[in-house]
C-alpha atoms as a PDB file:
ATOM      1  CA  MET A   1      -6.288  -1.140  -8.604  1.00  0.00           C
ATOM      2  CA  LEU A   2      -3.481   1.375  -8.181  1.00  0.00           C
ATOM      3  CA  LEU A   3      -0.338  -0.088  -6.587  1.00  0.00           C
ATOM      4  CA  TRP A   4       2.181   2.323  -5.053  1.00  0.00           C
ATOM      5  CA  HIS A   5       5.516   0.637  -4.385  1.00  0.00           C
ATOM      6  CA  GLY A   6       8.212   1.512  -1.889  1.00  0.00           C
ATOM      7  CA  MET A   7      11.073   3.964  -2.334  1.00  0.00           C
ATOM      8  CA  GLN A   8      13.595   1.777  -4.195  1.00  0.00           C
ATOM      9  CA  ALA A   9      14.295   3.238  -7.636  1.00  0.00           C
ATOM     10  CA  ASP A  10      13.180   0.175  -9.615  1.00  0.00           C
ATOM     11  CA  ALA A  11      10.467  -0.945  -7.205  1.00  0.00           C
ATOM     12  CA  ARG A  12       7.845  -0.872  -9.962  1.00  0.00           C
ATOM     13  CA  LEU A  13       9.531  -4.001 -11.301  1.00  0.00           C
ATOM     14  CA  VAL A  14      10.030  -5.442  -7.825  1.00  0.00           C
ATOM     15  CA  VAL A  15       6.282  -5.701  -7.185  1.00  0.00           C
ATOM     16  CA  ARG A  16       5.624  -7.330 -10.573  1.00  0.00           C
ATOM     17  CA  PRO A  17       4.868 -10.787  -9.042  1.00  0.00           C
ATOM     18  CA  LEU A  18       2.173  -9.257  -6.829  1.00  0.00           C
ATOM     19  CA  ALA A  19       0.738  -7.207  -9.692  1.00  0.00           C
ATOM     20  CA  ARG A  20       0.677 -10.301 -11.895  1.00  0.00           C
ATOM     21  CA  SER A  21      -1.022 -12.341  -9.164  1.00  0.00           C
ATOM     22  CA  LEU A  22      -3.676  -9.646  -8.810  1.00  0.00           C
ATOM     23  CA  ALA A  23      -4.196  -9.545 -12.581  1.00  0.00           C
ATOM     24  CA  ASP A  24      -4.493 -13.342 -12.665  1.00  0.00           C
ATOM     25  CA  ARG A  25      -7.410 -12.952 -10.260  1.00  0.00           C
ATOM     26  CA  GLY A  26      -9.205 -10.523 -12.543  1.00  0.00           C
ATOM     27  CA  ALA A  27      -7.954  -7.183 -11.223  1.00  0.00           C
ATOM     28  CA  ALA A  28      -6.883  -4.353 -13.509  1.00  0.00           C
ATOM     29  CA  VAL A  29      -3.629  -3.109 -11.957  1.00  0.00           C
ATOM     30  CA  ILE A  30      -1.639   0.083 -12.559  1.00  0.00           C
ATOM     31  CA  VAL A  31       1.883   0.262 -11.088  1.00  0.00           C
ATOM     32  CA  PRO A  32       3.360   3.726 -11.728  1.00  0.00           C
ATOM     33  CA  ASP A  33       6.914   4.927 -11.315  1.00  0.00           C
ATOM     34  CA  TRP A  34       7.445   7.534  -8.642  1.00  0.00           C
ATOM     35  CA  ASN A  35      10.565   9.172  -7.327  1.00  0.00           C
ATOM     36  CA  SER A  36      10.708   9.445  -3.551  1.00  0.00           C
ATOM     37  CA  HIS A  37      13.979  11.374  -3.887  1.00  0.00           C
ATOM     38  CA  ALA A  38      12.380  14.211  -5.861  1.00  0.00           C
ATOM     39  CA  ALA A  39      12.215  17.630  -4.244  1.00  0.00           C
ATOM     40  CA  ASP A  40       8.554  17.050  -3.330  1.00  0.00           C
ATOM     41  CA  GLY A  41       9.165  13.512  -2.057  1.00  0.00           C
ATOM     42  CA  GLY A  42       7.298  12.033  -5.006  1.00  0.00           C
ATOM     43  CA  ARG A  43       4.012  13.791  -4.252  1.00  0.00           C
ATOM     44  CA  ALA A  44       3.410  14.978  -7.820  1.00  0.00           C
ATOM     45  CA  ASP A  45       4.140  11.528  -9.251  1.00  0.00           C
ATOM     46  CA  LEU A  46       1.753   9.847  -6.832  1.00  0.00           C
ATOM     47  CA  LEU A  47      -1.086  12.310  -7.331  1.00  0.00           C
ATOM     48  CA  GLY A  48      -0.579  12.176 -11.086  1.00  0.00           C
ATOM     49  CA  SER A  49      -0.864   8.388 -11.031  1.00  0.00           C
ATOM     50  CA  LEU A  50      -4.019   8.697  -8.943  1.00  0.00           C
ATOM     51  CA  ASN A  51      -5.620  10.974 -11.520  1.00  0.00           C
ATOM     52  CA  PHE A  52      -4.588   8.637 -14.326  1.00  0.00           C
ATOM     53  CA  ALA A  53      -5.993   5.567 -12.546  1.00  0.00           C
ATOM     54  CA  ALA A  54      -9.252   7.361 -11.798  1.00  0.00           C
ATOM     55  CA  GLU A  55      -9.606   8.238 -15.485  1.00  0.00           C
ATOM     56  CA  GLN A  56      -9.004   4.613 -16.492  1.00  0.00           C
ATOM     57  CA  ALA A  57     -11.370   3.115 -13.943  1.00  0.00           C
ATOM     58  CA  GLY A  58     -14.782   2.097 -15.196  1.00  0.00           C
ATOM     59  CA  ASP A  59     -16.289   3.026 -11.834  1.00  0.00           C
ATOM     60  CA  PRO A  60     -14.971   6.418 -10.657  1.00  0.00           C
ATOM     61  CA  ASP A  61     -15.766   5.491  -7.043  1.00  0.00           C
ATOM     62  CA  GLY A  62     -14.413   1.964  -7.312  1.00  0.00           C
ATOM     63  CA  LEU A  63     -10.677   2.602  -7.171  1.00  0.00           C
ATOM     64  CA  VAL A  64      -8.701   0.377  -4.804  1.00  0.00           C
ATOM     65  CA  LEU A  65      -5.427   1.913  -3.618  1.00  0.00           C
ATOM     66  CA  ILE A  66      -2.609  -0.426  -2.553  1.00  0.00           C
ATOM     67  CA  GLY A  67       0.667   0.749  -1.055  1.00  0.00           C
ATOM     68  CA  TRP A  68       3.801  -1.099   0.038  1.00  0.00           C
ATOM     69  CA  SER A  69       6.208   0.307   2.651  1.00  0.00           C
ATOM     70  CA  LEU A  70       6.525   4.077   2.092  1.00  0.00           C
ATOM     71  CA  GLY A  71       3.859   3.653  -0.574  1.00  0.00           C
ATOM     72  CA  GLY A  72       1.630   2.273   2.178  1.00  0.00           C
ATOM     73  CA  ALA A  73       2.170   5.399   4.254  1.00  0.00           C
ATOM     74  CA  ALA A  74       1.298   7.496   1.199  1.00  0.00           C
ATOM     75  CA  ALA A  75      -1.850   5.453   0.551  1.00  0.00           C
ATOM     76  CA  ALA A  76      -2.939   5.867   4.165  1.00  0.00           C
ATOM     77  CA  SER A  77      -2.328   9.615   4.077  1.00  0.00           C
ATOM     78  CA  LEU A  78      -4.339  10.062   0.903  1.00  0.00           C
ATOM     79  CA  THR A  79      -7.196   7.992   2.307  1.00  0.00           C
ATOM     80  CA  LEU A  80      -7.322   9.961   5.552  1.00  0.00           C
ATOM     81  CA  ALA A  81      -7.528  13.202   3.551  1.00  0.00           C
ATOM     82  CA  ALA A  82      -9.522  11.926   0.555  1.00  0.00           C
ATOM     83  CA  GLY A  83     -12.015  14.780   0.777  1.00  0.00           C
ATOM     84  CA  HIS A  84      -9.217  17.327   0.519  1.00  0.00           C
ATOM     85  CA  PHE A  85      -8.038  15.683  -2.707  1.00  0.00           C
ATOM     86  CA  ASN A  86     -11.582  15.275  -4.058  1.00  0.00           C
ATOM     87  CA  VAL A  87     -11.188  11.523  -4.470  1.00  0.00           C
ATOM     88  CA  VAL A  88     -13.374   8.603  -3.451  1.00  0.00           C
ATOM     89  CA  LEU A  89     -11.634   5.300  -2.775  1.00  0.00           C
ATOM     90  CA  ALA A  90     -13.437   1.978  -2.552  1.00  0.00           C
ATOM     91  CA  HIS A  91     -10.752   0.402  -0.363  1.00  0.00           C
ATOM     92  CA  THR A  92      -7.184   1.025   0.790  1.00  0.00           C
ATOM     93  CA  VAL A  93      -4.693  -1.807   1.308  1.00  0.00           C
ATOM     94  CA  CYS A  94      -1.356  -1.170   3.026  1.00  0.00           C
ATOM     95  CA  LEU A  95       1.427  -3.760   2.844  1.00  0.00           C
ATOM     96  CA  ALA A  96       4.026  -3.286   5.580  1.00  0.00           C
ATOM     97  CA  GLY A  97       3.054   0.380   5.746  1.00  0.00           C
ATOM     98  CA  ALA A  98       5.778   2.669   7.113  1.00  0.00           C
ATOM     99  CA  PHE A  99       3.255   4.593   9.196  1.00  0.00           C
ATOM    100  CA  MET A 100       5.886   5.875  11.626  1.00  0.00           C
ATOM    101  CA  VAL A 101       7.583   8.181   9.088  1.00  0.00           C
ATOM    102  CA  PRO A 102       6.286  11.332   7.345  1.00  0.00           C
ATOM    103  CA  ASP A 103       4.442  10.321   4.200  1.00  0.00           C
ATOM    104  CA  PRO A 104       5.199  11.799   0.752  1.00  0.00           C
ATOM    105  CA  ILE A 105       1.652  13.106   0.217  1.00  0.00           C
ATOM    106  CA  ARG A 106       1.259  15.479   3.183  1.00  0.00           C
ATOM    107  CA  GLY A 107       4.550  15.077   5.031  1.00  0.00           C
ATOM    108  CA  ARG A 108       2.844  13.840   8.181  1.00  0.00           C
ATOM    109  CA  VAL A 109       2.902  10.719  10.337  1.00  0.00           C
ATOM    110  CA  ALA A 110      -0.304   8.776   9.714  1.00  0.00           C
ATOM    111  CA  THR A 111      -0.958   7.869  13.337  1.00  0.00           C
ATOM    112  CA  GLU A 112      -0.959  11.570  14.237  1.00  0.00           C
ATOM    113  CA  GLU A 113      -3.610  12.393  11.636  1.00  0.00           C
ATOM    114  CA  LEU A 114      -6.480  10.335  13.010  1.00  0.00           C
ATOM    115  CA  SER A 115      -9.519  12.227  14.215  1.00  0.00           C
ATOM    116  CA  ARG A 116     -13.066  11.228  15.089  1.00  0.00           C
ATOM    117  CA  GLU A 117     -14.252  14.377  13.320  1.00  0.00           C
ATOM    118  CA  ASP A 118     -12.815  13.278   9.970  1.00  0.00           C
ATOM    119  CA  VAL A 119     -13.770   9.606   9.815  1.00  0.00           C
ATOM    120  CA  GLY A 120     -14.310   8.423   6.272  1.00  0.00           C
ATOM    121  CA  SER A 121     -16.072   5.413   4.835  1.00  0.00           C
ATOM    122  CA  THR A 122     -13.116   3.904   2.958  1.00  0.00           C
ATOM    123  CA  PRO A 123     -12.174   0.637   4.680  1.00  0.00           C
ATOM    124  CA  PHE A 124      -8.534  -0.195   5.363  1.00  0.00           C
ATOM    125  CA  THR A 125      -6.922  -3.616   5.067  1.00  0.00           C
ATOM    126  CA  LEU A 126      -3.459  -3.736   6.639  1.00  0.00           C
ATOM    127  CA  LEU A 127      -1.226  -6.687   5.710  1.00  0.00           C
ATOM    128  CA  HIS A 128       2.095  -7.096   7.509  1.00  0.00           C
ATOM    129  CA  GLY A 129       4.755  -9.762   7.979  1.00  0.00           C
ATOM    130  CA  VAL A 130       5.608 -10.732  11.538  1.00  0.00           C
ATOM    131  CA  ALA A 131       9.250 -11.266  10.469  1.00  0.00           C
ATOM    132  CA  ASP A 132       9.580  -7.758   9.011  1.00  0.00           C
ATOM    133  CA  ALA A 133      12.845  -6.234  10.250  1.00  0.00           C
ATOM    134  CA  ALA A 134      12.633  -3.095   8.070  1.00  0.00           C
ATOM    135  CA  VAL A 135       9.173  -1.957   9.198  1.00  0.00           C
ATOM    136  CA  PRO A 136       8.196  -3.903  12.331  1.00  0.00           C
ATOM    137  CA  VAL A 137       4.665  -5.290  12.470  1.00  0.00           C
ATOM    138  CA  GLN A 138       4.031  -3.003  15.444  1.00  0.00           C
ATOM    139  CA  ALA A 139       3.704  -0.128  12.957  1.00  0.00           C
ATOM    140  CA  SER A 140       0.561  -1.689  11.491  1.00  0.00           C
ATOM    141  CA  ARG A 141      -0.719  -2.769  14.885  1.00  0.00           C
ATOM    142  CA  ALA A 142      -0.450   0.782  16.204  1.00  0.00           C
ATOM    143  CA  PHE A 143      -2.060   2.273  13.094  1.00  0.00           C
ATOM    144  CA  ALA A 144      -4.895  -0.270  13.205  1.00  0.00           C
ATOM    145  CA  ALA A 145      -5.522   0.562  16.854  1.00  0.00           C
ATOM    146  CA  GLY A 146      -5.615   4.268  16.026  1.00  0.00           C
ATOM    147  CA  LEU A 147      -8.043   3.684  13.166  1.00  0.00           C
ATOM    148  CA  GLU A 148     -10.312   1.646  15.434  1.00  0.00           C
ATOM    149  CA  ARG A 149     -10.303   4.328  18.136  1.00  0.00           C
ATOM    150  CA  ALA A 150     -11.247   6.965  15.574  1.00  0.00           C
ATOM    151  CA  GLY A 151     -14.011   4.793  14.106  1.00  0.00           C
ATOM    152  CA  TRP A 152     -12.440   3.928  10.758  1.00  0.00           C
ATOM    153  CA  PRO A 153     -13.206   0.453   9.351  1.00  0.00           C
ATOM    154  CA  VAL A 154      -9.988  -1.591   9.455  1.00  0.00           C
ATOM    155  CA  ASP A 155      -8.834  -5.183   9.229  1.00  0.00           C
ATOM    156  CA  LEU A 156      -5.278  -6.203  10.159  1.00  0.00           C
ATOM    157  CA  VAL A 157      -3.903  -9.498   8.831  1.00  0.00           C
ATOM    158  CA  GLU A 158      -0.453 -10.746   9.820  1.00  0.00           C
ATOM    159  CA  PHE A 159       1.519 -13.127   7.626  1.00  0.00           C
ATOM    160  CA  ALA A 160       4.577 -15.299   8.185  1.00  0.00           C
ATOM    161  CA  ALA A 161       6.526 -12.929   5.938  1.00  0.00           C
ATOM    162  CA  ASP A 162       9.261 -10.302   5.938  1.00  0.00           C
ATOM    163  CA  HIS A 163       9.318  -6.823   4.434  1.00  0.00           C
ATOM    164  CA  GLY A 164       9.872  -7.971   0.872  1.00  0.00           C
ATOM    165  CA  SER A 165       7.913 -11.187   0.683  1.00  0.00           C
ATOM    166  CA  ILE A 166       4.673  -9.513   1.825  1.00  0.00           C
ATOM    167  CA  ALA A 167       4.836  -7.754  -1.581  1.00  0.00           C
ATOM    168  CA  GLY A 168       6.180 -10.686  -3.603  1.00  0.00           C
ATOM    169  CA  ALA A 169       9.789  -9.493  -3.405  1.00  0.00           C
ATOM    170  CA  GLU A 170      13.017 -10.848  -1.963  1.00  0.00           C
ATOM    171  CA  TYR A 171      16.023  -9.062  -0.543  1.00  0.00           C
ATOM    172  CA  ASP A 172      19.373  -9.319  -2.333  1.00  0.00           C
ATOM    173  CA  PRO A 173      22.012  -8.644   0.362  1.00  0.00           C
ATOM    174  CA  ALA A 174      24.853  -8.390  -2.163  1.00  0.00           C
ATOM    175  CA  ALA A 175      23.117  -5.564  -4.021  1.00  0.00           C
ATOM    176  CA  ASP A 176      21.423  -4.218  -0.866  1.00  0.00           C
ATOM    177  CA  ARG A 177      18.082  -3.968  -2.639  1.00  0.00           C
ATOM    178  CA  TYR A 178      14.869  -5.863  -3.277  1.00  0.00           C
ATOM    179  CA  ARG A 179      14.162  -7.801  -6.454  1.00  0.00           C
ATOM    180  CA  PRO A 180      11.054  -9.567  -7.735  1.00  0.00           C
ATOM    181  CA  ALA A 181      10.626 -13.040  -6.299  1.00  0.00           C
ATOM    182  CA  ARG A 182      11.362 -15.773  -8.822  1.00  0.00           C
ATOM    183  CA  SER A 183      10.401 -18.866  -6.866  1.00  0.00           C
ATOM    184  CA  GLY A 184       9.855 -20.317  -3.414  1.00  0.00           C
ATOM    185  CA  ARG A 185       7.976 -18.870  -0.493  1.00  0.00           C
ATOM    186  CA  PRO A 186       8.078 -15.173  -1.577  1.00  0.00           C
ATOM    187  CA  LEU A 187       6.404 -16.032  -4.877  1.00  0.00           C
ATOM    188  CA  GLN A 188       3.860 -18.193  -3.082  1.00  0.00           C
ATOM    189  CA  LEU A 189       3.171 -15.316  -0.704  1.00  0.00           C
ATOM    190  CA  ALA A 190       2.470 -13.012  -3.649  1.00  0.00           C
ATOM    191  CA  GLY A 191      -0.407 -15.320  -4.546  1.00  0.00           C
ATOM    192  CA  GLU A 192      -1.682 -15.503  -0.977  1.00  0.00           C
ATOM    193  CA  VAL A 193      -1.540 -11.738  -0.521  1.00  0.00           C
ATOM    194  CA  ALA A 194      -3.221 -11.150  -3.883  1.00  0.00           C
ATOM    195  CA  ALA A 195      -6.013 -13.548  -2.947  1.00  0.00           C
ATOM    196  CA  ARG A 196      -6.499 -11.746   0.351  1.00  0.00           C
ATOM    197  CA  ILE A 197      -6.615  -8.346  -1.375  1.00  0.00           C
ATOM    198  CA  VAL A 198      -9.142  -9.494  -3.970  1.00  0.00           C
ATOM    199  CA  SER A 199     -11.300 -11.060  -1.266  1.00  0.00           C
ATOM    200  CA  ALA A 200     -11.120  -8.003   0.991  1.00  0.00           C
ATOM    201  CA  THR A 201     -11.920  -5.534  -1.768  1.00  0.00           C
ATOM    202  CA  ALA A 202     -14.707  -7.439  -3.515  1.00  0.00           C
ATOM    203  CA  ARG A 203     -17.804  -5.266  -3.728  1.00  0.00           C
END
């Protein structure tokens, strides 16, 4: 599994509880660094991590791509244009995907890229917290509806979570940034989300 985090500089560490929960359930997880503030929006970092993960995967067509927040928008964009990038994905999971903003892969809004002529076979699982104030759950609802209209396989699951806890993180208002959950409900949610991902992506 390749897990693309959000745009916070140290977000690779922030999603550690989720990555650990996935690994505890038998998944091999790669969480790369990527710089959304780079001149290309992080595109080269993301595509480089994709190539690396594909090389490490035992099954070249079995890669599961997971993205949180802006990483979710990037994961969706790559999946919608997988043929262009010569990649086959087994499943794409988006956590609180920021589908309403241009993604760092193609610089486009995901909901505007759906077409019945380009429907792929990679299923989507969208996971979103109903208490998300940063990326409202309506973003995933609208994207799921667009996927369904175009004929893409999609499953939307809503959690009693906010923007951070859906990815096993918690917001630190003093520092104005997310940090990895250490205890309580966010850490519990990391386990619940990991279980859902493993169940949804089992082949």
